[in-house]
Amino acid sequence: MPMDARDIERMIKEAIPDAEVEIKDLAGDGDHYAATVTSSAFKGKSRVQQHQMVYAALQGRMGGVLHALALTTLAPDN
């Protein structure tokens, strides 16, 4: 069963409370998404560490219920 974009956003925001999350369904199938996540929690962390934080928020659903996620992470400038 595909994962709903609202569920992805909710899980990320629960784990990273100040996150601004934008989700796009790339194929219209609920399996292929692109997400842009902006959070001050990413400051000082490498891109790999930032992505690991988001993947951890998804609680093991990557590669299973959530087939593909093109991920962009950003730390705010201010």
Protein backbone atom coordinates (compact mmCIF):
# COMPACT_ATOMS: atom_id res chain seq x y z
CA MET A 1 0.00 0.00 0.00
CA PRO A 2 1.48 3.40 -0.98
CA MET A 3 2.31 6.00 1.62
CA ASP A 4 0.32 9.24 1.69
CA ALA A 5 2.25 12.52 1.38
CA ARG A 6 0.49 13.85 4.49
CA ASP A 7 1.82 10.91 6.49
CA ILE A 8 5.37 11.59 5.29
CA GLU A 9 5.05 15.25 6.27
CA ARG A 10 3.54 14.39 9.67
CA MET A 11 6.29 11.91 10.52
CA ILE A 12 9.04 14.36 9.58
CA LYS A 13 7.45 17.17 11.59
CA GLU A 14 6.99 14.91 14.62
CA ALA A 15 10.71 14.07 14.59
CA ILE A 16 11.94 17.54 13.53
CA PRO A 17 9.38 19.96 15.02
CA ASP A 18 10.60 23.15 13.33
CA ALA A 19 10.81 21.54 9.89
CA GLU A 20 9.21 23.14 6.89
CA VAL A 21 8.27 20.25 4.60
CA GLU A 22 7.26 20.31 0.95
CA ILE A 23 6.27 16.99 -0.61
CA LYS A 24 5.64 16.33 -4.31
CA ASP A 25 4.26 13.06 -5.70
CA LEU A 26 6.53 12.59 -8.71
CA ALA A 27 4.67 9.80 -10.49
CA GLY A 28 1.14 10.14 -9.11
CA ASP A 29 1.41 6.64 -7.69
CA GLY A 30 2.07 7.33 -4.01
CA ASP A 31 5.41 5.52 -4.27
CA HIS A 32 7.75 8.13 -5.73
CA TYR A 33 8.08 11.42 -3.88
CA ALA A 34 10.37 14.41 -3.73
CA ALA A 35 10.70 16.18 -0.38
CA THR A 36 12.35 19.45 0.56
CA VAL A 37 12.91 19.76 4.30
CA THR A 38 14.19 22.96 5.88
CA SER A 39 15.14 22.97 9.57
CA SER A 40 17.50 24.78 11.92
CA ALA A 41 18.28 21.30 13.31
CA PHE A 42 20.37 20.77 10.16
CA LYS A 43 22.80 23.61 10.94
CA GLY A 44 26.36 22.36 11.31
CA LYS A 45 25.48 18.88 10.05
CA SER A 46 26.71 17.30 6.84
CA ARG A 47 24.24 16.56 4.04
CA VAL A 48 24.50 12.86 4.91
CA GLN A 49 23.66 13.56 8.57
CA GLN A 50 20.71 15.73 7.52
CA HIS A 51 19.34 12.98 5.27
CA GLN A 52 19.85 10.41 8.03
CA MET A 53 17.71 12.56 10.33
CA VAL A 54 14.87 12.57 7.80
CA TYR A 55 15.19 8.84 7.09
CA ALA A 56 15.12 8.16 10.85
CA ALA A 57 11.90 10.19 11.06
CA LEU A 58 10.34 7.83 8.51
CA GLN A 59 10.93 4.92 10.91
CA GLY A 60 12.15 2.30 8.45
CA ARG A 61 9.53 2.90 5.79
CA MET A 62 12.11 3.85 3.12
CA GLY A 63 12.48 1.06 0.59
CA GLY A 64 9.33 -0.63 1.81
CA VAL A 65 6.05 1.26 2.05
CA LEU A 66 7.84 4.33 0.70
CA HIS A 67 9.59 3.15 -2.45
CA ALA A 68 11.52 6.29 -3.48
CA LEU A 69 12.16 9.69 -1.95
CA ALA A 70 14.26 12.33 -3.68
CA LEU A 71 15.39 14.36 -0.70
CA THR A 72 16.64 17.92 -0.44
CA THR A 73 17.58 19.25 3.00
CA LEU A 74 18.31 22.86 3.85
CA ALA A 75 19.28 24.84 6.94
CA PRO A 76 17.77 28.34 7.09
CA ASP A 77 20.19 31.22 6.53
CA ASN A 78 19.17 33.19 9.61
